[in-house]
Amino acid sequence: MHPGAGAPGGHRHRCRRGPEHPDPVAGRGGIVSADLVRVAVDSERCIGGGQCEMLEPEVFLVDDDEAISSVVGSGELPRDRADVVVHRCPGAAISIVEPQRPSE
């Protein structure tokens, strides 16, 4: 369970122990929209381990009262970073949401 979960006066907590990612645009010639994917959390599978929040604190937030992660903001990440979060989730609760392609 995530540290602090269920503690009296539980609160939403942002974990800051994870690596800090440099500005994804700086030094890489920019990220084009094709490089970005959207992530989602399955609240039924989430165990509140906090790996997602440690890796990507600007995208994930674990609610200490519920011990469940949620996506904050747009939920967009570069595909390589999204893949890391998906594979490190102990509850296999994170997925990459592929955009729907228009019918031909």
Protein backbone atom coordinates (compact mmCIF):
# COMPACT_ATOMS: atom_id res chain seq x y z
CA MET A 1 0.00 0.00 0.00
CA HIS A 2 1.17 3.53 -0.68
CA PRO A 3 2.87 5.23 2.30
CA GLY A 4 0.38 7.33 4.21
CA ALA A 5 -2.65 5.53 2.79
CA GLY A 6 -5.29 5.12 5.44
CA ALA A 7 -3.41 7.36 7.87
CA PRO A 8 -5.52 9.68 10.00
CA GLY A 9 -6.19 12.84 8.09
CA GLY A 10 -5.16 11.11 4.85
CA HIS A 11 -4.56 13.45 1.99
CA ARG A 12 -3.69 13.55 -1.66
CA HIS A 13 0.06 13.23 -1.80
CA ARG A 14 2.48 13.93 -4.61
CA CYS A 15 5.51 11.72 -4.37
CA ARG A 16 8.71 13.50 -5.33
CA ARG A 17 11.17 10.62 -5.03
CA GLY A 18 11.11 9.72 -8.71
CA PRO A 19 13.46 10.95 -11.37
CA GLU A 20 12.96 14.46 -12.63
CA HIS A 21 12.42 14.53 -16.35
CA PRO A 22 13.94 17.41 -18.23
CA ASP A 23 11.71 19.46 -20.46
CA PRO A 24 10.71 16.89 -23.11
CA VAL A 25 10.95 19.49 -25.86
CA ALA A 26 14.34 20.97 -24.99
CA GLY A 27 17.31 19.45 -26.74
CA ARG A 28 15.36 16.90 -28.76
CA GLY A 29 14.09 19.05 -31.56
CA GLY A 30 10.62 19.03 -30.02
CA ILE A 31 8.04 16.32 -29.63
CA VAL A 32 5.56 16.00 -32.43
CA SER A 33 2.04 14.91 -31.58
CA ALA A 34 2.70 11.46 -33.09
CA ASP A 35 5.22 10.83 -30.29
CA LEU A 36 2.64 11.47 -27.57
CA VAL A 37 0.20 8.89 -26.24
CA ARG A 38 -2.48 9.13 -23.59
CA VAL A 39 -2.39 6.88 -20.53
CA ALA A 40 -5.29 5.64 -18.43
CA VAL A 41 -5.63 3.96 -15.03
CA ASP A 42 -8.05 1.08 -14.39
CA SER A 43 -9.24 1.90 -10.86
CA GLU A 44 -10.45 -1.68 -10.36
CA ARG A 45 -6.92 -3.05 -10.86
CA CYS A 46 -4.92 -0.26 -9.18
CA ILE A 47 -3.34 -1.29 -5.87
CA GLY A 48 -1.97 2.17 -5.03
CA GLY A 49 1.68 1.14 -5.19
CA GLY A 50 2.69 4.60 -6.38
CA GLN A 51 5.22 3.53 -9.03
CA CYS A 52 3.42 5.63 -11.63
CA GLU A 53 3.50 8.71 -9.41
CA MET A 54 7.20 8.24 -8.65
CA LEU A 55 8.04 7.94 -12.34
CA GLU A 56 5.70 10.61 -13.72
CA PRO A 57 4.50 12.90 -10.90
CA GLU A 58 3.05 15.43 -13.33
CA VAL A 59 0.73 12.81 -14.86
CA PHE A 60 -0.26 10.51 -11.97
CA LEU A 61 -1.54 11.19 -8.48
CA VAL A 62 -2.26 8.54 -5.83
CA ASP A 63 -5.13 9.48 -3.53
CA ASP A 64 -4.01 8.38 -0.07
CA ASP A 65 -7.58 8.01 1.18
CA GLU A 66 -8.55 5.64 -1.62
CA ALA A 67 -5.06 4.25 -2.38
CA ILE A 68 -5.87 4.53 -6.08
CA SER A 69 -3.96 6.37 -8.76
CA SER A 70 -5.57 8.73 -11.22
CA VAL A 71 -4.40 10.62 -14.26
CA VAL A 72 -4.12 14.38 -13.86
CA GLY A 73 -4.14 16.81 -16.74
CA SER A 74 -4.18 15.52 -20.28
CA GLY A 75 -2.51 12.22 -19.40
CA GLU A 76 -0.18 12.58 -22.36
CA LEU A 77 3.38 11.27 -22.32
CA PRO A 78 6.01 10.46 -24.91
CA ARG A 79 5.48 6.81 -25.90
CA ASP A 80 8.80 5.60 -24.47
CA ARG A 81 8.02 7.03 -21.02
CA ALA A 82 4.45 5.73 -21.15
CA ASP A 83 5.78 2.24 -21.92
CA VAL A 84 8.01 2.36 -18.83
CA VAL A 85 5.10 3.33 -16.56
CA VAL A 86 2.85 0.63 -18.05
CA HIS A 87 5.47 -2.08 -17.48
CA ARG A 88 6.36 -0.97 -13.94
CA CYS A 89 2.78 -0.85 -12.62
CA PRO A 90 2.52 -3.68 -10.05
CA GLY A 91 -1.24 -4.01 -10.54
CA ALA A 92 -1.09 -3.88 -14.35
CA ALA A 93 -3.61 -1.04 -14.07
CA ILE A 94 -2.08 1.42 -16.53
CA SER A 95 -2.68 1.26 -20.24
CA ILE A 96 -1.93 3.32 -23.30
CA VAL A 97 -5.08 4.59 -24.94
CA GLU A 98 -4.65 4.41 -28.69
CA PRO A 99 -6.47 7.12 -30.62
CA GLN A 100 -9.38 5.94 -32.72
CA ARG A 101 -8.65 6.02 -36.40
CA PRO A 102 -11.31 7.46 -38.68
CA SER A 103 -13.20 4.92 -40.79
CA GLU A 104 -12.13 4.74 -44.38
